[in-house]
């Protein structure tokens, strides 16, 4: 396989910083370190460290201890060119006084899911779908809901001493969904609906480094769920197998298939669920099987930062050989900046199939 061994140069771009709708060029120039973290569970957060010593009204002093620019609750926006990398509100300020260098101040910001994280309740929902629950919780926090998820109708759902965010994550995960916010919009989409535009990354060019593992330890050849249908007074049993991820394989070989041929059947029965009807039992079985199957290949890489490289993106990775080249789904993203390595993105991505030798 021919490879290009040319090392890509450091990314020279600096993010821009906006606080309460006003561009803060002085903050951007004084940026020392930046970390923005995204996951499929939502609640994106940002840590940005700035120099905090310099000219202040004609004298040398602390720059940001007056709480005029950096203040709790203010809107905090990080952009790369015209593209938004992070949008949230300031939740914490951290001062650092290192030995032998100037003082620094760190902003810790979270997106609008912090409202849900800080609200804990005990309540029940009757005759609802999981999509209905998402819409109600969004309304509780004055967020506009964009929901595209399939799932069963529940007789009753109980939120017992849980934060709204924890309960929301639990319900969305049960129907193979993911959640995140965009400004004041709460988005809850199934994996199939969320898939974004394919982004091509080539090793030795946009993709600086990549490590990937194909692991049978988390794989199953079948998942079954048992329960009791209260309405018909009959036992429930639903099963899920490789068929539920076949559309995601793109011609590759699934972990379940390799597991069966290498070691034999490995079946799992879920005992911690209590489905009330066949649809609920089937949804639980399929969602669990998909989560396991998609983690057959898990890769961790470093790439040039670009706005499309976000959680939910489909990355088409090139020059990784016949087994590991192909499309991966990004599940974790960490946009970083410092004076040593410049701007880059560390990411985790997964896929359900191994390529052919």
Protein backbone atom coordinates (compact mmCIF):
# COMPACT_ATOMS: atom_id res chain seq x y z
CA UNK A 1 0.00 0.00 0.00
CA UNK A 2 1.42 3.36 -0.99
CA UNK A 3 1.37 5.98 1.73
CA UNK A 4 2.22 9.64 1.93
CA UNK A 5 4.63 10.12 4.83
CA UNK A 6 4.48 13.90 4.68
CA UNK A 7 3.59 15.25 8.10
CA UNK A 8 0.78 17.82 8.07
CA UNK A 9 1.68 21.22 9.43
CA UNK A 10 0.26 22.58 12.64
CA UNK A 11 -3.08 24.29 12.35
CA UNK A 12 -2.35 27.98 12.71
CA UNK A 13 -5.94 29.17 13.10
CA UNK A 14 -7.13 30.58 16.42
CA UNK A 15 -10.74 30.25 17.47
CA UNK A 16 -12.69 33.45 18.05
CA UNK A 17 -14.48 34.14 21.34
CA UNK A 18 -17.83 35.86 21.81
CA UNK A 19 -19.27 36.76 25.23
CA UNK A 20 -22.89 37.91 25.52
CA UNK A 21 -23.03 38.47 21.78
CA UNK A 22 -19.92 40.69 21.64
CA UNK A 23 -16.73 39.62 19.88
CA UNK A 24 -13.82 39.57 22.33
CA UNK A 25 -10.64 39.87 20.27
CA UNK A 26 -8.50 40.43 23.39
CA UNK A 27 -9.69 37.12 24.82
CA UNK A 28 -8.93 35.32 21.56
CA UNK A 29 -5.42 36.79 21.45
CA UNK A 30 -4.82 35.79 25.08
CA UNK A 31 -6.12 32.24 24.66
CA UNK A 32 -3.63 29.79 26.18
CA UNK A 33 -5.54 26.50 26.06
CA UNK A 34 -8.94 25.34 24.87
CA UNK A 35 -10.88 22.11 25.26
CA UNK A 36 -14.40 21.47 23.93
CA UNK A 37 -15.90 18.06 24.64
CA UNK A 38 -18.94 16.50 22.93
CA UNK A 39 -20.52 13.08 23.52
CA UNK A 40 -23.63 11.23 22.30
CA UNK A 41 -25.15 11.81 25.77
CA UNK A 42 -25.28 15.57 25.27
CA UNK A 43 -24.18 18.27 27.75
CA UNK A 44 -21.24 19.60 25.76
CA UNK A 45 -18.76 21.58 27.81
CA UNK A 46 -15.87 23.93 27.25
CA UNK A 47 -12.76 24.92 29.21
CA UNK A 48 -10.89 27.96 27.95
CA UNK A 49 -7.81 29.37 29.67
CA UNK A 50 -6.71 32.98 29.11
CA UNK A 51 -3.76 35.13 30.17
CA UNK A 52 -4.90 37.27 33.13
CA UNK A 53 -2.10 39.81 33.55
CA UNK A 54 -1.40 42.93 31.49
CA UNK A 55 -2.18 46.56 30.90
CA UNK A 56 -5.40 47.59 32.66
CA UNK A 57 -6.32 51.28 32.44
CA UNK A 58 -2.71 52.41 32.17
CA UNK A 59 -1.27 50.11 34.83
CA UNK A 60 -0.25 46.45 34.96
CA UNK A 61 -2.87 44.42 36.80
CA UNK A 62 -5.27 41.47 36.59
CA UNK A 63 -7.31 41.69 33.39
CA UNK A 64 -10.53 39.83 34.17
CA UNK A 65 -11.13 39.96 37.92
CA UNK A 66 -13.54 42.89 37.53
CA UNK A 67 -16.26 40.43 36.30
CA UNK A 68 -17.18 42.82 33.51
CA UNK A 69 -16.20 40.59 30.58
CA UNK A 70 -16.21 37.16 32.21
CA UNK A 71 -19.24 36.74 34.45
CA UNK A 72 -21.36 33.80 35.62
CA UNK A 73 -24.31 33.00 33.37
CA UNK A 74 -23.10 35.01 30.38
CA UNK A 75 -23.43 33.46 26.93
CA UNK A 76 -20.07 32.03 25.79
CA UNK A 77 -19.47 31.21 22.13
CA UNK A 78 -16.43 29.68 20.42
CA UNK A 79 -16.22 29.87 16.63
CA UNK A 80 -13.82 28.72 13.94
CA UNK A 81 -14.26 31.20 11.13
CA UNK A 82 -18.03 31.46 10.70
CA UNK A 83 -18.73 28.00 12.16
CA UNK A 84 -19.76 27.52 15.79
CA UNK A 85 -17.73 24.96 17.77
CA UNK A 86 -19.41 25.62 21.13
CA UNK A 87 -22.36 27.60 22.47
CA UNK A 88 -23.18 27.71 26.16
CA UNK A 89 -23.08 29.75 29.35
CA UNK A 90 -20.33 30.44 31.88
CA UNK A 91 -20.77 28.18 34.93
CA UNK A 92 -17.41 28.52 36.70
CA UNK A 93 -14.27 30.68 36.82
CA UNK A 94 -10.94 29.23 37.88
CA UNK A 95 -7.85 31.29 38.76
CA UNK A 96 -4.35 29.85 38.40
CA UNK A 97 -1.16 31.43 39.74
CA UNK A 98 1.67 29.27 38.33
CA UNK A 99 5.21 29.49 39.58
CA UNK A 100 7.41 31.53 37.29
CA UNK A 101 4.72 32.73 34.86
CA UNK A 102 1.79 35.12 34.66
CA UNK A 103 -1.62 34.44 36.26
CA UNK A 104 -4.33 32.78 34.18
CA UNK A 105 -8.10 32.55 34.33
CA UNK A 106 -10.12 29.58 33.07
CA UNK A 107 -13.74 29.73 31.92
CA UNK A 108 -15.79 26.57 32.37
CA UNK A 109 -18.97 26.68 30.30
CA UNK A 110 -21.79 24.22 29.60
CA UNK A 111 -24.58 24.16 27.05
CA UNK A 112 -28.29 24.48 27.89
CA UNK A 113 -28.45 20.91 29.20
CA UNK A 114 -26.99 22.24 32.45
CA UNK A 115 -30.54 23.46 33.27
CA UNK A 116 -31.72 19.85 33.05
CA UNK A 117 -28.72 18.55 35.00
CA UNK A 118 -29.52 20.87 37.91
CA UNK A 119 -33.23 19.97 38.10
CA UNK A 120 -34.04 16.79 40.07
CA UNK A 121 -37.58 15.40 40.31
CA UNK A 122 -39.79 12.45 41.20
CA UNK A 123 -42.85 12.10 38.96
CA UNK A 124 -44.72 9.76 36.61
CA UNK A 125 -45.76 9.96 32.95
CA UNK A 126 -48.86 8.05 31.88
CA UNK A 127 -49.77 6.72 28.41
CA UNK A 128 -46.75 8.28 26.70
CA UNK A 129 -44.06 7.43 24.19
CA UNK A 130 -40.41 8.30 24.81
CA UNK A 131 -40.77 11.06 22.21
CA UNK A 132 -43.65 12.53 24.27
CA UNK A 133 -41.42 12.58 27.36
CA UNK A 134 -38.66 14.42 25.47
CA UNK A 135 -41.11 17.06 24.27
CA UNK A 136 -42.51 17.58 27.79
CA UNK A 137 -39.06 17.95 29.37
CA UNK A 138 -38.03 20.36 26.60
CA UNK A 139 -41.14 22.43 27.33
CA UNK A 140 -40.35 22.42 31.07
CA UNK A 141 -37.10 24.21 30.25
CA UNK A 142 -38.43 26.48 27.50
CA UNK A 143 -36.50 24.61 24.81
CA UNK A 144 -37.82 23.95 21.33
CA UNK A 145 -37.99 20.19 20.71
CA UNK A 146 -36.89 18.48 17.50
CA UNK A 147 -37.69 14.78 18.01
CA UNK A 148 -37.31 11.99 15.46
CA UNK A 149 -37.43 8.68 17.32
CA UNK A 150 -39.48 5.52 17.03
CA UNK A 151 -40.54 3.58 20.09
CA UNK A 152 -43.34 1.95 22.07
CA UNK A 153 -46.21 3.52 23.97
CA UNK A 154 -45.78 3.13 27.73
CA UNK A 155 -48.55 2.71 30.28
CA UNK A 156 -46.43 4.47 32.86
CA UNK A 157 -42.88 5.81 33.14
CA UNK A 158 -41.40 6.88 36.48
CA UNK A 159 -38.72 9.48 37.08
CA UNK A 160 -37.53 8.66 40.60
CA UNK A 161 -35.16 11.15 42.22
CA UNK A 162 -33.40 11.72 38.91
CA UNK A 163 -32.28 14.88 37.22
CA UNK A 164 -34.21 15.75 34.08
CA UNK A 165 -31.00 15.15 32.11
CA UNK A 166 -30.38 11.68 33.59
CA UNK A 167 -33.99 10.64 32.94
CA UNK A 168 -33.89 12.06 29.42
CA UNK A 169 -30.68 10.19 28.64
CA UNK A 170 -32.19 6.95 29.95
CA UNK A 171 -35.34 7.22 27.84
CA UNK A 172 -33.56 8.28 24.65
CA UNK A 173 -30.91 5.56 24.98
CA UNK A 174 -33.64 2.91 25.34
CA UNK A 175 -34.90 3.62 21.80
CA UNK A 176 -31.49 3.93 20.12
CA UNK A 177 -31.56 7.73 20.24
CA UNK A 178 -29.07 10.52 20.97
CA UNK A 179 -29.59 14.00 22.39
CA UNK A 180 -27.87 17.37 22.12
CA UNK A 181 -28.72 21.07 22.08
CA UNK A 182 -28.26 23.73 19.43
CA UNK A 183 -28.82 27.07 21.11
CA UNK A 184 -32.35 26.86 22.52
CA UNK A 185 -33.30 23.77 20.53
CA UNK A 186 -33.27 20.30 22.12
CA UNK A 187 -32.66 17.63 19.49
CA UNK A 188 -33.44 13.94 20.08
CA UNK A 189 -32.88 11.72 17.07
CA UNK A 190 -32.37 8.03 16.49
CA UNK A 191 -28.95 7.05 15.13
CA UNK A 192 -30.50 6.42 11.71
CA UNK A 193 -31.96 9.96 11.58
CA UNK A 194 -28.89 11.72 12.99
CA UNK A 195 -26.34 10.52 10.45
CA UNK A 196 -24.72 13.61 9.02
CA UNK A 197 -22.82 14.35 5.84
CA UNK A 198 -19.93 11.95 5.21
CA UNK A 199 -16.58 13.55 5.98
CA UNK A 200 -13.46 12.13 4.28
CA UNK A 201 -10.26 11.98 6.33
CA UNK A 202 -7.06 10.55 4.84
CA UNK A 203 -4.22 9.26 7.00
CA UNK A 204 -1.16 11.44 6.48
CA UNK A 205 -3.31 14.41 5.49
CA UNK A 206 -6.40 15.54 7.47
CA UNK A 207 -6.09 12.47 9.73
CA UNK A 208 -2.91 12.90 11.76
CA UNK A 209 -3.07 9.60 13.67
CA UNK A 210 -5.49 6.76 14.33
CA UNK A 211 -5.62 3.66 16.54
CA UNK A 212 -8.42 1.13 16.10
CA UNK A 213 -9.37 -2.12 17.88
CA UNK A 214 -11.65 -4.90 16.63
CA UNK A 215 -12.78 -6.66 19.82
CA UNK A 216 -15.07 -9.69 20.19
CA UNK A 217 -15.39 -9.26 23.99
CA UNK A 218 -18.43 -6.98 23.75
CA UNK A 219 -20.11 -8.86 20.91
CA UNK A 220 -23.17 -11.16 21.09
CA UNK A 221 -24.76 -13.37 18.44
CA UNK A 222 -28.24 -12.81 19.91
CA UNK A 223 -29.96 -10.73 22.58
CA UNK A 224 -33.30 -11.79 24.08
CA UNK A 225 -35.74 -9.94 26.32
CA UNK A 226 -38.47 -11.62 28.37
CA UNK A 227 -41.46 -10.05 30.05
CA UNK A 228 -45.17 -10.24 30.71
CA UNK A 229 -47.89 -8.68 28.58
CA UNK A 230 -50.31 -7.30 31.14
CA UNK A 231 -53.13 -6.73 28.66
CA UNK A 232 -53.14 -10.23 27.12
CA UNK A 233 -51.82 -11.96 30.25
CA UNK A 234 -49.19 -13.86 28.31
CA UNK A 235 -45.42 -14.26 28.38
CA UNK A 236 -43.25 -12.07 26.17
CA UNK A 237 -40.05 -13.02 24.37
CA UNK A 238 -38.33 -10.94 21.72
CA UNK A 239 -34.94 -11.55 20.13
CA UNK A 240 -32.49 -9.43 18.14
CA UNK A 241 -29.55 -10.55 16.02
CA UNK A 242 -27.24 -9.32 13.27
CA UNK A 243 -30.19 -8.43 11.05
CA UNK A 244 -30.81 -5.19 13.00
CA UNK A 245 -27.40 -3.75 11.99
CA UNK A 246 -27.09 -5.26 8.51
CA UNK A 247 -27.94 -1.94 6.84
CA UNK A 248 -24.95 -0.32 8.62
CA UNK A 249 -22.33 -2.87 7.52
CA UNK A 250 -21.62 -1.47 4.03
CA UNK A 251 -20.52 -4.92 2.89
CA UNK A 252 -18.24 -5.52 5.91
CA UNK A 253 -18.35 -8.56 8.22
CA UNK A 254 -20.14 -8.03 11.54
CA UNK A 255 -18.63 -8.83 14.91
CA UNK A 256 -21.53 -11.20 15.60
CA UNK A 257 -20.72 -13.18 12.46
CA UNK A 258 -17.00 -13.39 13.28
CA UNK A 259 -17.80 -14.34 16.90
CA UNK A 260 -20.05 -17.20 15.79
CA UNK A 261 -17.51 -18.60 13.34
CA UNK A 262 -14.53 -18.20 15.71
CA UNK A 263 -16.02 -19.18 19.07
CA UNK A 264 -19.63 -20.26 18.51
CA UNK A 265 -22.94 -18.73 19.64
CA UNK A 266 -22.82 -16.23 22.48
CA UNK A 267 -26.37 -15.33 23.51
CA UNK A 268 -27.40 -12.80 26.15
CA UNK A 269 -30.72 -12.57 28.01
CA UNK A 270 -31.51 -9.17 29.53
CA UNK A 271 -32.93 -9.66 33.02
CA UNK A 272 -33.03 -6.07 34.27
CA UNK A 273 -35.82 -4.89 31.94
CA UNK A 274 -39.57 -5.18 32.57
CA UNK A 275 -41.32 -4.74 29.20
CA UNK A 276 -45.13 -4.61 29.26
CA UNK A 277 -45.80 -5.46 25.60
CA UNK A 278 -44.16 -7.00 22.55
CA UNK A 279 -43.21 -3.68 20.97
CA UNK A 280 -41.41 -2.53 24.12
CA UNK A 281 -39.60 -5.88 24.44
CA UNK A 282 -38.50 -5.78 20.79
CA UNK A 283 -37.25 -2.19 21.10
CA UNK A 284 -35.18 -3.02 24.18
CA UNK A 285 -33.63 -6.10 22.55
CA UNK A 286 -32.78 -4.32 19.30
CA UNK A 287 -31.36 -1.22 20.99
CA UNK A 288 -29.09 -3.31 23.22
CA UNK A 289 -27.88 -5.45 20.32
CA UNK A 290 -27.11 -2.36 18.23
CA UNK A 291 -25.08 -0.74 21.02
CA UNK A 292 -22.96 -3.88 21.38
CA UNK A 293 -22.59 -4.49 17.64
CA UNK A 294 -21.50 -0.93 16.85
CA UNK A 295 -18.61 -1.17 19.30
CA UNK A 296 -16.96 -4.05 17.43
CA UNK A 297 -14.54 -1.55 15.90
CA UNK A 298 -13.62 1.41 18.10
CA UNK A 299 -11.03 3.89 16.84
CA UNK A 300 -9.39 6.94 18.40
CA UNK A 301 -7.80 9.55 16.21
CA UNK A 302 -6.40 13.06 15.91
CA UNK A 303 -7.40 15.17 12.91
CA UNK A 304 -7.28 18.71 11.60
CA UNK A 305 -10.15 20.66 13.15
CA UNK A 306 -13.10 21.41 10.92
CA UNK A 307 -16.69 22.27 11.76
CA UNK A 308 -18.11 19.06 10.26
CA UNK A 309 -16.00 16.84 12.52
CA UNK A 310 -18.52 16.61 15.36
CA UNK A 311 -20.37 13.93 17.29
CA UNK A 312 -22.87 12.37 14.89
CA UNK A 313 -20.65 12.82 11.83
CA UNK A 314 -19.91 9.88 9.54
CA UNK A 315 -16.18 9.86 8.76
CA UNK A 316 -14.86 7.99 5.73
CA UNK A 317 -11.30 7.11 6.78
CA UNK A 318 -8.79 6.46 4.00
CA UNK A 319 -5.39 4.70 3.76
CA UNK A 320 -5.94 2.49 6.82
CA UNK A 321 -5.69 -0.79 4.94
CA UNK A 322 -8.42 -3.20 3.78
CA UNK A 323 -9.60 -4.17 7.28
CA UNK A 324 -9.95 -0.73 8.84
CA UNK A 325 -10.54 1.80 6.05
CA UNK A 326 -14.17 2.85 5.66
CA UNK A 327 -16.99 4.71 7.34
CA UNK A 328 -17.09 5.29 11.11
CA UNK A 329 -19.63 7.07 13.31
CA UNK A 330 -18.16 9.73 15.63
CA UNK A 331 -19.29 9.24 19.25
CA UNK A 332 -16.88 11.49 21.17
CA UNK A 333 -15.12 14.68 20.11
CA UNK A 334 -12.53 16.87 21.83
CA UNK A 335 -11.53 20.08 20.08
CA UNK A 336 -8.21 21.29 21.54
CA UNK A 337 -5.96 24.31 21.24
CA UNK A 338 -2.62 25.16 22.85
CA UNK A 339 0.54 27.00 21.90
CA UNK A 340 2.52 23.76 21.37
CA UNK A 341 0.34 21.66 19.07
CA UNK A 342 -2.03 24.31 17.76
CA UNK A 343 -5.64 23.51 16.93
CA UNK A 344 -6.69 19.88 16.44
CA UNK A 345 -9.55 17.49 17.14
CA UNK A 346 -9.28 14.24 19.07
CA UNK A 347 -12.19 11.91 18.38
CA UNK A 348 -13.58 8.44 19.04
CA UNK A 349 -15.51 6.63 16.31
CA UNK A 350 -17.14 3.21 15.98
CA UNK A 351 -18.51 0.83 13.39
CA UNK A 352 -20.16 -2.60 13.33
CA UNK A 353 -18.13 -4.33 10.59
CA UNK A 354 -14.58 -5.38 9.71
CA UNK A 355 -13.35 -5.01 6.15
CA UNK A 356 -12.28 -7.94 3.98
CA UNK A 357 -8.61 -8.97 3.79
